[in-house]
Protein backbone atom coordinates (compact mmCIF):
# COMPACT_ATOMS: atom_id res chain seq x y z
CA MET A 1 -0.17 0.01 0.09
CA ALA A 2 2.90 2.41 0.98
CA GLU A 3 4.51 1.61 -2.49
CA GLU A 4 1.28 2.48 -4.39
CA THR A 5 0.73 5.46 -2.44
CA LYS A 6 4.37 6.70 -3.47
CA HIS A 7 4.03 5.71 -7.00
CA HIS A 8 0.61 7.69 -7.14
CA ALA A 9 2.40 10.71 -5.50
CA ALA A 10 5.20 10.55 -8.32
CA ARG A 11 2.49 10.34 -10.97
CA ILE A 12 1.24 13.41 -9.42
CA ASP A 13 4.20 15.38 -9.36
CA GLY A 14 4.75 14.28 -12.97
CA LEU A 15 1.68 15.21 -14.55
CA SER A 16 2.13 18.72 -12.71
CA LEU A 17 5.51 19.23 -14.40
CA LEU A 18 3.98 18.12 -17.84
CA VAL A 19 1.25 20.51 -17.47
CA VAL A 20 3.13 23.37 -16.14
CA GLY A 21 5.71 22.74 -19.08
CA SER A 22 2.64 22.54 -21.85
CA ALA A 23 1.16 25.94 -20.29
CA LEU A 24 4.46 27.85 -20.86
CA PHE A 25 4.76 26.25 -23.98
CA LEU A 26 1.67 27.33 -25.35
CA LEU A 27 1.58 30.78 -23.84
CA THR A 28 5.21 31.68 -24.93
CA GLY A 29 4.84 30.03 -28.35
CA ILE A 30 1.74 32.30 -28.95
CA VAL A 31 3.02 35.31 -27.83
CA TRP A 32 6.36 34.90 -29.99
CA ALA A 33 4.13 34.33 -32.85
CA VAL A 34 2.28 37.36 -32.26
CA ILE A 35 5.25 40.01 -31.65
CA ALA A 36 8.25 38.25 -33.17
CA PRO A 37 9.66 40.37 -36.36
CA ARG A 38 9.91 37.14 -38.28
CA ALA A 39 6.92 35.46 -36.69
CA LEU A 40 5.32 32.33 -38.96
CA MET A 41 8.16 33.10 -41.38
CA ASP A 42 8.33 29.25 -42.44
CA PHE A 43 4.51 29.12 -42.38
CA ARG A 44 3.96 31.63 -45.44
CA PRO A 45 5.58 29.40 -48.17
CA ALA A 46 3.59 26.54 -46.97
CA TYR A 47 0.53 28.35 -47.32
CA PHE A 48 1.51 30.24 -50.73
CA THR A 49 2.62 27.19 -52.54
CA ALA A 50 -0.70 26.00 -51.98
CA ARG A 51 -2.50 28.61 -52.59
CA CYS A 52 -0.52 28.89 -55.91
CA LEU A 53 -1.04 25.28 -56.97
CA LEU A 54 -4.96 25.99 -56.46
CA GLU A 55 -4.62 29.18 -58.83
CA HIS A 56 -3.12 26.47 -61.39
CA ARG A 57 0.31 28.28 -61.30
CA ASP A 58 3.66 26.36 -60.62
CA PRO A 59 4.52 26.26 -57.20
CA TYR A 60 8.19 25.65 -57.81
CA ASN A 61 8.75 28.53 -60.05
CA PRO A 62 9.77 31.81 -57.92
CA ALA A 63 8.18 34.44 -60.14
CA GLU A 64 4.83 32.62 -60.18
CA MET A 65 5.04 32.50 -56.27
CA GLN A 66 6.07 36.04 -56.13
CA ARG A 67 3.01 36.96 -57.98
CA THR A 68 0.78 35.15 -55.88
CA TYR A 69 2.13 37.09 -53.15
CA ALA A 70 1.48 39.72 -54.49
CA GLU A 71 -2.21 39.36 -55.71
CA ALA A 72 -2.98 38.12 -52.32
CA GLY A 73 -1.53 41.49 -50.62
CA GLN A 74 1.10 39.61 -48.80
CA ALA A 75 4.21 40.68 -50.76
CA ARG A 76 6.74 42.55 -48.44
CA PRO A 77 8.82 44.80 -50.26
CA HIS A 78 11.26 45.64 -47.84
CA GLU A 79 12.49 41.98 -46.98
CA SER A 80 15.73 40.51 -47.20
CA ALA A 81 16.72 38.63 -49.81
CA GLY A 82 17.21 35.55 -47.39
CA ASP A 83 13.47 36.01 -46.67
CA ARG A 84 12.61 36.53 -50.04
CA MET A 85 14.44 33.29 -51.24
CA LEU A 86 12.52 31.21 -48.68
CA GLU A 87 8.90 32.55 -49.51
CA THR A 88 9.26 32.21 -53.10
CA ARG A 89 11.63 28.66 -53.58
CA ASN A 90 9.70 25.64 -52.55
CA GLU A 91 11.88 22.91 -51.38
CA TYR A 92 9.11 20.56 -50.50
CA LEU A 93 7.68 17.38 -52.49
CA PRO A 94 4.46 17.46 -54.24
CA SER A 95 3.53 15.29 -51.29
CA GLU A 96 3.21 18.15 -48.72
CA LEU A 97 0.65 19.94 -51.09
CA PRO A 98 -2.41 17.72 -50.25
CA TRP A 99 -2.20 18.27 -46.50
CA THR A 100 -1.40 22.13 -47.13
CA VAL A 101 -4.05 22.61 -49.50
CA PRO A 102 -7.54 22.76 -46.93
CA LEU A 103 -5.44 25.30 -45.23
CA ALA A 104 -5.07 27.58 -48.52
CA LEU A 105 -8.80 27.55 -48.73
CA LEU A 106 -8.95 29.95 -45.91
CA PRO A 107 -7.97 33.49 -45.65
CA PHE A 108 -4.30 34.05 -44.82
CA THR A 109 -5.00 35.25 -41.28
CA ALA A 110 -7.53 32.72 -40.38
CA ALA A 111 -5.02 29.68 -41.58
CA GLN A 112 -1.93 31.32 -39.76
CA ALA A 113 -4.06 30.87 -36.41
CA LEU A 114 -5.53 27.45 -37.21
CA TRP A 115 -2.07 26.55 -37.95
CA VAL A 116 -0.42 27.56 -34.77
CA ALA A 117 -3.31 25.96 -32.89
CA LEU A 118 -2.90 22.58 -34.53
CA ILE A 119 0.98 22.59 -33.85
CA GLY A 120 0.55 23.45 -30.31
CA ALA A 121 -2.22 21.26 -29.91
CA ALA A 122 -0.19 18.15 -31.51
CA PHE A 123 3.11 18.64 -29.81
CA THR A 124 1.50 19.27 -26.27
CA LEU A 125 -0.49 15.96 -26.87
CA GLY A 126 2.38 14.14 -28.23
CA ALA A 127 4.28 15.10 -25.03
CA PHE A 128 1.35 13.70 -22.66
CA LEU A 129 1.13 10.54 -24.72
CA ILE A 130 5.09 9.97 -24.27
CA TRP A 131 4.50 10.79 -20.54
CA GLN A 132 1.78 7.92 -20.20
CA GLN A 133 4.17 5.36 -21.85
CA SER A 134 7.02 6.58 -19.23
CA SER A 135 5.07 5.08 -16.22
CA ALA A 136 8.43 3.39 -14.71
CA THR A 137 9.38 7.04 -13.70
CA PRO A 138 6.42 9.36 -14.04
CA ARG A 139 8.33 12.04 -12.20
CA LEU A 140 11.77 11.95 -14.24
CA ALA A 141 9.49 11.90 -17.38
CA GLY A 142 7.40 14.89 -16.46
CA ALA A 143 10.67 16.75 -15.79
CA LEU A 144 12.28 15.62 -18.91
CA LEU A 145 9.03 16.81 -20.89
CA CYS A 146 8.74 19.98 -18.99
CA VAL A 147 12.46 20.97 -20.08
CA LEU A 148 11.75 20.11 -23.66
CA LEU A 149 8.27 21.98 -23.97
CA VAL A 150 9.24 25.00 -22.03
CA SER A 151 12.43 25.34 -24.52
CA SER A 152 10.31 24.55 -27.61
CA PRO A 153 8.10 27.86 -28.18
CA SER A 154 9.67 28.26 -31.51
CA LEU A 155 7.79 25.41 -33.00
CA MET A 156 4.39 27.70 -32.62
CA ALA A 157 6.20 31.13 -33.47
CA PHE A 158 8.00 29.99 -36.84
CA GLY A 159 5.26 27.63 -37.83
CA ASN A 160 7.69 25.28 -39.96
CA PRO A 161 5.70 22.54 -41.01
CA SER A 162 8.22 20.00 -39.42
CA ALA A 163 6.88 21.10 -36.28
CA LEU A 164 3.61 19.20 -37.39
CA ALA A 165 5.18 16.45 -38.84
CA VAL A 166 7.39 15.40 -35.96
CA SER A 167 4.08 15.77 -33.60
CA LEU A 168 2.26 13.61 -35.97
CA CYS A 169 5.00 10.72 -35.91
CA VAL A 170 5.32 10.85 -31.95
CA ILE A 171 1.44 10.52 -31.66
CA ALA A 172 1.58 7.41 -34.13
CA ALA A 173 4.39 5.81 -32.56
CA TRP A 174 2.22 6.20 -29.57
CA CYS A 175 -0.33 4.71 -31.15
CA PHE A 176 1.41 1.62 -32.77
CA VAL A 177 3.42 0.84 -29.67
CA SER A 178 0.40 1.01 -27.26
CA GLU A 179 -1.81 -0.78 -29.73
CA ARG A 180 -4.29 2.04 -29.53
CA TRP A 181 -6.19 4.17 -32.02
CA PRO A 182 -4.39 2.18 -34.85
CA ARG A 183 -6.03 4.31 -37.63
CA ALA A 184 -5.38 7.44 -36.08
CA GLY A 185 -1.91 6.17 -35.90
CA ILE A 186 -1.75 5.21 -39.75
CA PHE A 187 -3.05 8.78 -40.90
CA CYS A 188 -0.69 10.75 -38.36
CA LEU A 189 2.47 8.88 -39.79
CA ALA A 190 1.36 8.91 -43.36
CA ALA A 191 0.75 12.82 -42.76
CA ALA A 192 4.05 13.21 -41.49
CA LEU A 193 5.78 10.91 -44.15
CA CYS A 194 4.26 13.01 -46.95
CA ILE A 195 5.25 16.73 -45.19
CA LYS A 196 8.92 15.43 -43.95
CA PRO A 197 9.63 11.76 -45.14
CA HIS A 198 13.68 12.36 -44.57
CA THR A 199 12.85 13.28 -40.99
CA VAL A 200 10.18 10.64 -39.95
CA GLY A 201 11.21 8.38 -42.37
CA PHE A 202 13.49 5.75 -40.29
CA VAL A 203 10.63 5.89 -37.37
CA TRP A 204 8.57 4.38 -40.24
CA LEU A 205 11.38 1.92 -40.91
CA TYR A 206 11.47 0.60 -37.68
CA PHE A 207 7.84 -0.59 -37.62
CA LEU A 208 8.62 -2.07 -40.99
CA LEU A 209 11.62 -4.16 -39.89
CA ALA A 210 10.40 -5.03 -36.46
CA GLY A 211 7.51 -7.37 -37.99
CA GLY A 212 4.49 -8.58 -36.36
CA GLN A 213 1.41 -6.03 -35.94
CA PHE A 214 4.21 -3.40 -36.58
CA ARG A 215 5.04 -4.30 -39.74
CA ARG A 216 1.40 -4.34 -40.74
CA ARG A 217 1.11 -0.71 -39.64
CA ALA A 218 3.86 0.20 -41.30
CA LEU A 219 2.25 -1.06 -44.83
CA GLN A 220 -0.77 0.19 -44.19
CA THR A 221 0.92 3.64 -43.45
CA LEU A 222 2.64 3.07 -46.60
CA ALA A 223 -0.26 2.70 -48.63
CA VAL A 224 -1.95 5.81 -47.44
CA THR A 225 1.07 7.72 -48.01
CA ALA A 226 1.45 6.48 -51.44
CA VAL A 227 -2.23 7.30 -52.38
CA VAL A 228 -1.73 10.92 -51.01
CA GLY A 229 1.82 11.23 -52.53
CA VAL A 230 0.56 10.20 -56.12
CA ALA A 231 -2.53 12.22 -55.80
CA GLY A 232 -0.34 15.57 -55.09
CA LEU A 233 2.22 14.11 -57.94
CA LEU A 234 -0.38 14.00 -60.59
CA TRP A 235 -1.89 17.30 -59.55
CA VAL A 236 1.48 19.03 -59.64
CA SER A 237 2.75 17.50 -62.62
CA VAL A 238 -0.34 18.55 -64.52
CA VAL A 239 -0.14 22.43 -63.57
CA ALA A 240 3.83 22.26 -63.33
CA PRO A 241 5.45 19.66 -65.72
CA HIS A 242 9.12 20.80 -64.96
CA TRP A 243 8.49 20.93 -61.06
CA LEU A 244 11.33 18.19 -60.59
CA ALA A 245 14.02 20.42 -62.39
CA GLU A 246 12.87 23.27 -60.94
CA LEU A 247 12.79 21.98 -57.35
CA ARG A 248 16.87 21.03 -57.82
CA THR A 249 17.44 24.63 -58.71
CA ASN A 250 15.79 25.53 -55.52
CA LEU A 251 17.50 23.00 -53.47
CA ALA A 252 20.75 24.10 -55.11
CA ALA A 253 19.98 27.74 -54.30
CA PHE A 254 19.48 27.07 -50.46
CA THR A 255 22.85 24.72 -50.35
CA ALA A 256 25.36 27.22 -52.49
CA HIS A 257 28.34 28.21 -50.37
CA GLY A 258 27.24 30.91 -48.01
CA ALA A 259 23.63 30.23 -48.53
CA MET A 260 20.77 29.58 -45.96
CA ASN A 261 21.13 25.52 -45.55
CA ASP A 262 25.13 25.55 -46.20
CA PRO A 263 26.39 23.79 -43.27
CA GLY A 264 30.09 25.33 -43.53
CA PRO A 265 31.58 28.29 -41.79
CA ALA A 266 30.24 30.70 -44.26
CA THR A 267 26.55 29.64 -43.86
CA GLY A 268 23.88 32.36 -44.22
CA GLY A 269 21.67 30.56 -41.65
CA GLY A 270 23.02 27.48 -39.83
CA ARG A 271 23.76 29.31 -36.43
CA GLY A 272 21.26 30.36 -33.44
CA ILE A 273 17.82 29.22 -33.36
CA HIS A 274 17.07 26.31 -35.34
CA MET A 275 20.47 25.72 -36.21
CA ILE A 276 21.46 22.81 -38.74
CA THR A 277 22.00 19.50 -36.63
CA ASP A 278 23.83 17.25 -38.93
CA LEU A 279 27.39 16.26 -38.93
CA GLN A 280 28.43 18.12 -41.85
CA VAL A 281 28.79 21.28 -39.65
CA VAL A 282 31.34 19.58 -37.63
CA PHE A 283 33.32 18.29 -40.67
CA SER A 284 32.99 21.51 -42.54
CA PHE A 285 35.13 23.50 -40.02
CA LEU A 286 38.04 20.86 -41.12
CA TRP A 287 37.47 21.29 -44.92
CA ASP A 288 34.50 23.25 -46.42
CA ASP A 289 33.87 21.11 -49.28
CA PRO A 290 30.83 19.18 -49.76
CA ARG A 291 32.51 16.03 -51.36
CA PHE A 292 34.60 16.07 -47.90
CA TYR A 293 32.11 16.89 -45.24
CA ASN A 294 29.27 14.64 -46.88
CA LEU A 295 31.51 11.60 -47.13
CA ALA A 296 32.60 12.01 -43.45
CA SER A 297 29.27 12.32 -42.18
CA PHE A 298 28.34 9.12 -44.15
CA ILE A 299 31.30 7.20 -43.30
CA VAL A 300 30.32 8.34 -39.42
CA CYS A 301 26.78 7.53 -39.89
CA ALA A 302 26.47 4.20 -42.12
CA PRO A 303 27.85 1.79 -39.64
CA LEU A 304 25.55 3.07 -36.84
CA PHE A 305 22.63 2.71 -39.08
CA ALA A 306 23.41 -0.65 -40.18
CA VAL A 307 24.03 -1.70 -36.25
CA TRP A 308 20.39 -0.35 -35.67
CA VAL A 309 18.71 -1.98 -38.84
CA TRP A 310 20.30 -5.09 -37.62
CA GLY A 311 18.91 -4.75 -34.18
CA ALA A 312 15.62 -3.82 -35.27
CA LEU A 313 15.28 -6.88 -37.39
CA ARG A 314 16.29 -8.99 -34.65
CA ALA A 315 14.02 -7.02 -32.05
CA ARG A 316 10.79 -8.58 -31.08
CA ALA A 317 7.40 -6.44 -30.98
CA SER A 318 7.79 -5.55 -27.38
CA HIS A 319 7.53 -2.33 -25.37
CA ARG A 320 11.18 -2.16 -24.35
CA HIS A 321 12.72 -3.05 -27.63
CA ALA A 322 10.39 -0.73 -29.41
CA TRP A 323 11.18 2.40 -27.32
CA LEU A 324 14.89 1.73 -27.21
CA GLY A 325 14.97 1.35 -30.96
CA LEU A 326 12.92 4.70 -31.65
CA ALA A 327 14.95 6.52 -29.19
CA ALA A 328 18.41 5.80 -31.05
CA VAL A 329 17.19 6.58 -34.31
CA SER A 330 15.29 9.70 -33.33
CA ALA A 331 18.73 10.92 -32.61
CA LEU A 332 20.53 9.69 -35.24
CA THR A 333 18.40 10.38 -38.36
CA MET A 334 19.37 14.08 -37.59
CA LEU A 335 23.17 13.61 -38.43
CA PRO A 336 23.68 12.57 -41.79
CA LEU A 337 21.44 14.75 -43.95
CA TYR A 338 20.09 18.18 -43.74
CA HIS A 339 18.00 19.02 -40.54
CA ARG A 340 17.26 21.79 -38.08
CA GLN A 341 16.52 21.80 -34.53
CA TYR A 342 12.74 21.54 -35.04
CA ASP A 343 13.17 18.30 -36.74
CA ALA A 344 15.68 17.32 -33.72
CA LYS A 345 12.33 17.76 -31.56
CA LEU A 346 11.83 14.16 -32.52
CA ILE A 347 14.19 13.15 -30.01
CA LEU A 348 10.87 13.38 -27.72
CA LEU A 349 10.62 9.67 -28.32
CA THR A 350 13.63 9.29 -26.20
CA VAL A 351 11.74 9.70 -23.15
CA PRO A 352 10.07 6.29 -22.55
CA ALA A 353 13.53 4.32 -23.13
CA CYS A 354 15.38 7.12 -20.51
CA ALA A 355 12.64 6.29 -18.05
CA LEU A 356 12.80 2.51 -18.33
CA LEU A 357 16.73 2.80 -17.88
CA ALA A 358 16.31 5.05 -15.21
CA ALA A 359 13.86 2.65 -13.26
CA GLU A 360 16.45 -0.19 -13.69
CA GLY A 361 19.22 2.13 -11.92
CA GLY A 362 22.77 1.71 -12.18
CA HIS A 363 25.27 3.59 -14.71
CA ARG A 364 23.30 3.20 -17.93
CA GLY A 365 20.23 4.99 -16.05
CA ARG A 366 22.40 7.44 -14.97
CA TRP A 367 23.80 7.96 -18.34
CA ALA A 368 20.39 7.91 -19.99
CA VAL A 369 19.11 10.95 -17.63
CA ALA A 370 22.33 12.93 -18.43
CA LEU A 371 22.55 12.47 -21.90
CA THR A 372 19.07 13.02 -22.72
CA THR A 373 18.70 16.14 -20.54
CA LEU A 374 21.75 17.53 -22.15
CA ALA A 375 20.27 16.98 -25.71
CA PHE A 376 17.09 18.37 -24.81
CA ILE A 377 18.81 21.70 -23.59
CA LEU A 378 20.97 22.14 -26.55
CA ASN A 379 18.48 21.60 -28.96
CA GLY A 380 16.01 24.22 -27.08
CA ASP A 381 15.36 27.73 -28.04
CA TRP A 382 16.43 29.64 -24.89
CA ILE A 383 20.19 29.12 -25.19
CA TRP A 384 20.63 30.08 -28.56
CA ALA A 385 18.20 33.10 -28.47
CA ALA A 386 20.28 34.37 -25.66
CA LEU A 387 23.52 33.66 -28.01
CA ASP A 388 21.99 35.28 -30.85
CA GLY A 389 22.20 38.60 -28.67
CA LEU A 390 25.33 38.05 -26.82
CA LEU A 391 27.37 37.43 -30.18
CA PRO A 392 26.83 40.87 -31.87
CA ARG A 393 27.04 42.75 -28.47
CA TYR A 394 30.22 41.40 -27.52
CA HIS A 395 31.59 41.39 -31.16
CA LEU A 396 32.02 37.79 -31.38
CA ASP A 397 30.62 37.26 -34.53
CA SER A 398 34.06 39.08 -35.78
CA LEU A 399 35.65 35.30 -35.16
CA GLY A 400 34.73 34.50 -38.86
CA PRO A 401 35.08 30.87 -39.44
CA HIS A 402 35.75 30.11 -35.79
CA VAL A 403 32.20 30.95 -34.85
CA SER A 404 31.05 27.87 -36.35
CA LEU A 405 32.85 25.99 -33.32
CA ILE A 406 29.65 27.29 -31.28
CA ALA A 407 27.42 24.77 -33.43
CA PHE A 408 29.21 21.94 -32.74
CA PRO A 409 27.31 20.85 -29.34
CA VAL A 410 24.09 20.35 -31.15
CA PRO A 411 25.14 17.43 -33.66
CA LEU A 412 27.74 16.13 -30.95
CA SER A 413 25.03 16.05 -28.54
CA LEU A 414 22.86 13.89 -30.71
CA LEU A 415 25.51 11.75 -31.88
CA ALA A 416 25.96 10.71 -28.21
CA LEU A 417 22.22 10.46 -27.37
CA GLY A 418 21.84 8.36 -30.17
CA GLY A 419 25.26 6.36 -29.93
CA PHE A 420 24.30 5.70 -26.14
CA TYR A 421 20.85 4.36 -27.23
CA LEU A 422 21.92 2.19 -30.09
CA VAL A 423 24.57 0.39 -28.01
CA VAL A 424 21.69 -0.39 -25.24
CA PHE A 425 19.50 -1.61 -27.86
CA ALA A 426 21.86 -3.59 -29.56
CA ARG A 427 22.46 -5.23 -26.26
CA ARG A 428 19.23 -6.05 -25.48
CA VAL A 429 17.82 -7.42 -28.66
CA ARG A 430 20.74 -9.99 -27.85
CA GLN A 431 19.39 -10.87 -24.69
CA PRO A 432 16.14 -13.08 -23.71
CA GLU A 433 13.28 -10.85 -22.90
CA PRO A 434 12.00 -10.71 -19.32
CA ALA A 435 8.54 -12.48 -18.48
CA ARG A 436 5.72 -11.20 -20.15
CA SER A 437 7.77 -8.53 -21.98
CA HIS A 438 5.59 -9.61 -25.13
CA VAL A 439 3.00 -7.59 -23.72
CA LEU A 440 3.19 -3.98 -24.72
CA GLU A 441 3.04 -1.84 -21.51
CA SER A 442 0.95 1.02 -20.87
């Protein structure tokens, strides 16, 4: 009875921390979305590419996009060259458009408000569901989630589609592992795959490789994704038959030396809030040549993913294996390809695994808590918002290429986090499962 009372008190404490974190996330996110100079900057291209398509114009043509802004009364003549590029050069696949077209049917202001509400609700719901799966140490899980929520208001403020994709992916993972609301999980993961396939694709792959009921859900998700994706592709191909070449041109413009998505020291947008998280940031400091830093990142990541695939194939469809495998890949997937910190919020999936290891105690539990906490803080907003203000104030931005060292902790923390959970995952799948481990715990 005393043990039950103690656990109940821990659950109340954990839930209280989660509620506080959620309230602060929603409050600061809404305030930031209203007062920030570049608020909802990433929502504008998502809305107007869909609007452009509805008006039977090419959403991958910058001139057509600029015309759409002008006719809607949303053109901004004094914006920077970087903002103009972001708004007019579409870098998303056609599969995203069927999910954003319904928003484009609404007036811009109403669509903005709905988008912010969707991101806030989905991310908060994902956090609550993850806490529910972390019943082994509810107080610790509540504290970790509170840290992540409090440090993530920019998800709502900037409105990048990745914020919604990551949130839907987390919800889908809960649905599949807990075996509840599977149709909702299929819908959520299909939407996430259509919007950000390179961010959530390895989460889908885990369920495919793990077999059993997980594989069935993954195949059902693939079917829905294919139907929606093909519909978007056909629609875009009719309106913009040269969309693929235009997409390549747009991507090249974003990744050119010194451009917004350049991971090297000369980047035009790879530092501060929403900095780039992939390992190219680290290797480019050694040699700022894409042929080098892309290859070096691949050499580091390839064996890690090979071990993860091996573990996913061997893993049984169990609660423990699922969360350990998802924890590992949620961090590792941020490293080989272009991602930013809003994508890295996928490490929300590490909390159940951290709770399991912490409940077991020992050095693994302590390492899990330390590495997860560190990654949550480094991939949050406030530390980098403060740094954005300190760099010019103390003339630290005059350090030139050496200022890129500031960005190293983010990818390195993700590498440490993913590598740790990968080692634990690989060891656990080689061991016999504890009694009743086949039951997917809640």
